[in-house]
Amino acid sequence: MVYLLLLCGLISTVLYVAIDVIDALNYPGYNYFAQAISEMSAIGAPTTTLLAPLYRGWSLLFVAFTAGVWIVGRNRSALRWCARLMLGVAVVGTGLSIFPMTQRTMEPTSSDTMHLIVAAATMTLLSGAILAGGRAFGRSFRRYSAITIGVMLVFFFLTMQDVPNVAADQPTPYMGLNERISMSAWLLWIAVYSVRLMRIASFDGDALGWSDAPQKSQR
């Protein structure tokens, strides 16, 4: 059962990538490199109806993975904190659908402002989850986790630089690319983390040498 819950992390990453590609293909004129992911679920967007059930499915998988992390964590504080923060991501992330952005040709509203606030809060929670989760393994994985956070935040910052241009209906040639690099960083981390934790669920955790605390033997 725990193994299946942890597998949901890997499946959620694959599903999110598939959702992004499928919806882009079903949005006439959508520019994968220049337009934000949220534009596919914007108010009045042609893919809004298609996206809703797919994102709900992704959210369920993400929450199931979070439950798996909590269970396999037992009394390990790093994994328990990771699970708490990922649950926060799932809860706060619902705000992205509650407060959808408007399309470029429409006048920005308070929903756009809330959408940005929720996105920033989600990135903060994700950073904390990755940082906490990285402490469950050795130095190399902690380094990988730190790099993931760096890439995620740098490209999220670059994405945010184009927000004023979206509001003004001006060109944003690399907004979609920047956001997808940011998203890919943490989605890949979830997939890798899922696989590593499945090993924990399948074998003796101590035999694998995993712990909340840094291990001298894993330099």
Protein backbone atom coordinates (compact mmCIF):
# COMPACT_ATOMS: atom_id res chain seq x y z
CA MET A 1 0.00 0.00 0.00
CA VAL A 2 2.76 2.45 0.96
CA TYR A 3 4.65 1.51 -2.20
CA LEU A 4 1.61 2.41 -4.32
CA LEU A 5 1.21 5.74 -2.52
CA LEU A 6 4.84 6.58 -3.22
CA LEU A 7 4.45 5.51 -6.84
CA CYS A 8 1.82 8.24 -7.15
CA GLY A 9 4.64 10.79 -6.99
CA LEU A 10 6.24 9.45 -10.16
CA ILE A 11 2.87 9.10 -11.88
CA SER A 12 1.91 12.67 -10.94
CA THR A 13 5.00 14.03 -12.68
CA VAL A 14 4.27 12.08 -15.86
CA LEU A 15 0.63 13.17 -15.75
CA TYR A 16 1.49 16.86 -15.29
CA VAL A 17 3.79 16.82 -18.32
CA ALA A 18 1.11 15.05 -20.36
CA ILE A 19 -1.53 17.58 -19.27
CA ASP A 20 0.69 20.47 -20.32
CA VAL A 21 1.33 19.01 -23.78
CA ILE A 22 -2.25 17.85 -24.41
CA ASP A 23 -3.81 21.16 -23.41
CA ALA A 24 -1.31 23.19 -25.43
CA LEU A 25 -2.23 21.13 -28.49
CA ASN A 26 -5.94 21.77 -27.86
CA TYR A 27 -5.51 25.54 -27.49
CA PRO A 28 -5.63 27.10 -30.98
CA GLY A 29 -2.73 29.50 -31.47
CA TYR A 30 -1.14 28.77 -28.10
CA ASN A 31 2.60 29.50 -28.05
CA TYR A 32 4.36 26.92 -25.86
CA PHE A 33 7.47 29.07 -25.42
CA ALA A 34 5.86 32.49 -25.05
CA GLN A 35 2.70 31.86 -23.03
CA ALA A 36 2.31 30.94 -19.36
CA ILE A 37 0.89 27.59 -18.28
CA SER A 38 -1.90 29.39 -16.41
CA GLU A 39 -3.13 30.93 -19.66
CA MET A 40 -4.55 27.54 -20.60
CA SER A 41 -6.86 27.71 -17.56
CA ALA A 42 -7.49 31.46 -17.76
CA ILE A 43 -11.01 32.87 -17.65
CA GLY A 44 -12.60 32.18 -21.02
CA ALA A 45 -9.71 30.04 -22.33
CA PRO A 46 -10.79 27.23 -24.70
CA THR A 47 -9.03 24.55 -22.62
CA THR A 48 -10.47 25.48 -19.20
CA THR A 49 -13.08 22.71 -19.23
CA LEU A 50 -10.55 20.14 -20.39
CA LEU A 51 -8.02 21.12 -17.73
CA ALA A 52 -10.27 21.03 -14.67
CA PRO A 53 -10.69 17.23 -14.27
CA LEU A 54 -7.08 16.57 -15.29
CA TYR A 55 -5.71 18.90 -12.62
CA ARG A 56 -8.03 17.34 -10.04
CA GLY A 57 -6.58 13.96 -10.93
CA TRP A 58 -3.06 15.34 -10.56
CA SER A 59 -3.93 16.85 -7.16
CA LEU A 60 -5.24 13.51 -5.91
CA LEU A 61 -2.04 11.78 -6.98
CA PHE A 62 0.07 14.46 -5.29
CA VAL A 63 -1.88 14.14 -2.04
CA ALA A 64 -1.58 10.34 -2.18
CA PHE A 65 2.19 10.72 -2.60
CA THR A 66 2.25 13.09 0.37
CA ALA A 67 0.50 10.44 2.46
CA GLY A 68 3.12 7.92 1.38
CA VAL A 69 5.95 10.25 2.40
CA TRP A 70 4.30 10.72 5.81
CA ILE A 71 3.91 6.99 6.37
CA VAL A 72 7.40 5.98 5.26
CA GLY A 73 8.81 8.83 7.34
CA ARG A 74 7.68 7.23 10.59
CA ASN A 75 9.47 9.29 13.25
CA ARG A 76 11.96 10.86 10.85
CA SER A 77 11.50 14.60 11.18
CA ALA A 78 12.86 15.47 7.72
CA LEU A 79 10.27 13.35 5.92
CA ARG A 80 7.47 14.43 8.20
CA TRP A 81 8.27 18.10 7.51
CA CYS A 82 8.48 17.34 3.80
CA ALA A 83 5.03 15.74 3.92
CA ARG A 84 3.54 18.67 5.87
CA LEU A 85 4.90 21.20 3.40
CA MET A 86 3.76 19.17 0.38
CA LEU A 87 0.28 19.01 1.87
CA GLY A 88 0.50 22.79 2.14
CA VAL A 89 1.40 22.91 -1.56
CA ALA A 90 -1.70 20.85 -2.39
CA VAL A 91 -3.99 23.00 -0.24
CA VAL A 92 -2.61 26.40 -1.24
CA GLY A 93 -2.32 25.31 -4.86
CA THR A 94 -6.11 25.01 -5.11
CA GLY A 95 -6.08 28.80 -5.07
CA LEU A 96 -4.71 28.76 -8.62
CA SER A 97 -8.06 27.41 -9.84
CA ILE A 98 -10.11 29.49 -7.40
CA PHE A 99 -8.35 32.63 -8.65
CA PRO A 100 -7.70 32.05 -12.37
CA MET A 101 -5.87 34.66 -14.39
CA THR A 102 -7.61 36.62 -17.11
CA GLN A 103 -6.70 36.34 -20.77
CA ARG A 104 -4.26 38.82 -22.26
CA THR A 105 -6.98 40.71 -24.11
CA MET A 106 -9.01 41.24 -20.92
CA GLU A 107 -8.67 43.88 -18.21
CA PRO A 108 -6.70 42.47 -15.21
CA THR A 109 -8.75 41.92 -12.06
CA SER A 110 -8.14 41.10 -8.41
CA SER A 111 -8.20 37.44 -9.44
CA ASP A 112 -4.92 38.01 -11.30
CA THR A 113 -3.35 39.51 -8.19
CA MET A 114 -4.47 36.60 -6.03
CA HIS A 115 -3.24 34.16 -8.66
CA LEU A 116 0.26 35.63 -8.41
CA ILE A 117 0.17 35.57 -4.60
CA VAL A 118 -0.88 31.91 -4.59
CA ALA A 119 1.84 31.06 -7.12
CA ALA A 120 4.51 32.73 -4.95
CA ALA A 121 3.21 30.97 -1.82
CA THR A 122 3.27 27.64 -3.64
CA MET A 123 6.88 28.17 -4.71
CA THR A 124 7.83 28.99 -1.12
CA LEU A 125 6.18 25.84 0.23
CA LEU A 126 7.74 23.73 -2.51
CA SER A 127 11.18 25.09 -1.68
CA GLY A 128 10.67 24.15 1.96
CA ALA A 129 9.43 20.66 1.04
CA ILE A 130 12.40 20.00 -1.23
CA LEU A 131 14.84 21.35 1.35
CA ALA A 132 13.34 19.18 4.10
CA GLY A 133 13.04 16.15 1.86
CA GLY A 134 16.63 16.43 0.73
CA ARG A 135 17.81 15.99 4.32
CA ALA A 136 16.49 12.44 4.31
CA PHE A 137 19.38 11.29 2.14
CA GLY A 138 23.10 11.83 1.75
CA ARG A 139 25.12 14.84 0.69
CA SER A 140 24.78 14.25 -3.06
CA PHE A 141 20.99 14.25 -2.86
CA ARG A 142 20.98 17.30 -0.61
CA ARG A 143 23.13 19.05 -3.22
CA TYR A 144 20.74 17.99 -5.97
CA SER A 145 17.81 19.30 -3.92
CA ALA A 146 19.56 22.65 -3.44
CA ILE A 147 20.22 22.90 -7.19
CA THR A 148 16.57 22.08 -7.85
CA ILE A 149 15.43 24.91 -5.60
CA GLY A 150 17.88 27.30 -7.25
CA VAL A 151 16.74 26.49 -10.78
CA MET A 152 13.09 26.55 -9.77
CA LEU A 153 13.30 29.97 -8.12
CA VAL A 154 15.56 31.63 -10.71
CA PHE A 155 13.29 30.71 -13.60
CA PHE A 156 10.18 31.52 -11.56
CA PHE A 157 11.67 34.99 -11.01
CA LEU A 158 12.32 35.32 -14.75
CA THR A 159 8.73 34.28 -15.43
CA MET A 160 7.44 36.94 -13.05
CA GLN A 161 9.39 39.61 -14.93
CA ASP A 162 6.99 39.14 -17.84
CA VAL A 163 3.82 39.57 -15.78
CA PRO A 164 3.53 43.32 -16.53
CA ASN A 165 3.82 42.52 -20.25
CA VAL A 166 0.98 40.00 -19.98
CA ALA A 167 -1.22 42.63 -18.34
CA ALA A 168 -0.32 45.09 -21.10
CA ASP A 169 -0.83 42.45 -23.82
CA GLN A 170 2.77 42.86 -24.91
CA PRO A 171 5.09 40.14 -26.30
CA THR A 172 6.58 37.67 -23.78
CA PRO A 173 8.83 35.54 -26.03
CA TYR A 174 10.33 33.38 -23.26
CA MET A 175 7.71 33.42 -20.50
CA GLY A 176 6.38 29.94 -21.23
CA LEU A 177 9.87 28.49 -21.57
CA ASN A 178 11.04 30.04 -18.29
CA GLU A 179 7.99 28.82 -16.40
CA ARG A 180 8.32 25.31 -17.80
CA ILE A 181 11.98 25.10 -16.80
CA SER A 182 10.95 26.14 -13.28
CA MET A 183 8.15 23.59 -13.22
CA SER A 184 10.30 20.84 -14.71
CA ALA A 185 12.89 21.28 -11.95
CA TRP A 186 10.52 20.45 -9.10
CA LEU A 187 8.49 17.89 -11.07
CA LEU A 188 11.69 15.97 -11.80
CA TRP A 189 12.61 16.17 -8.11
CA ILE A 190 9.24 14.68 -7.17
CA ALA A 191 9.81 11.81 -9.60
CA VAL A 192 13.33 11.13 -8.32
CA TYR A 193 12.18 11.39 -4.70
CA SER A 194 9.33 9.01 -5.40
CA VAL A 195 11.71 6.39 -6.79
CA ARG A 196 14.14 6.74 -3.88
CA LEU A 197 11.39 6.44 -1.31
CA MET A 198 9.97 3.39 -3.07
CA ARG A 199 13.34 1.76 -2.47
CA ILE A 200 12.95 2.62 1.22
CA ALA A 201 9.51 1.00 1.25
CA SER A 202 10.84 -2.11 -0.50
CA PHE A 203 14.00 -2.65 1.53
CA ASP A 204 15.39 -1.96 4.97
CA GLY A 205 15.83 1.82 5.25
CA ASP A 206 18.85 1.53 7.55
CA ALA A 207 20.53 -0.83 5.11
CA LEU A 208 20.25 1.88 2.46
CA GLY A 209 21.96 4.34 4.77
CA TRP A 210 19.25 6.99 4.81
CA SER A 211 18.68 9.32 7.75
CA ASP A 212 17.49 12.80 8.68
CA ALA A 213 20.99 13.66 9.81
CA PRO A 214 23.96 14.12 7.46
CA GLN A 215 26.06 10.95 7.28
CA LYS A 216 29.83 11.13 7.28
CA SER A 217 30.07 8.04 5.13
CA GLN A 218 28.10 9.71 2.33
CA ARG A 219 30.56 12.41 1.36
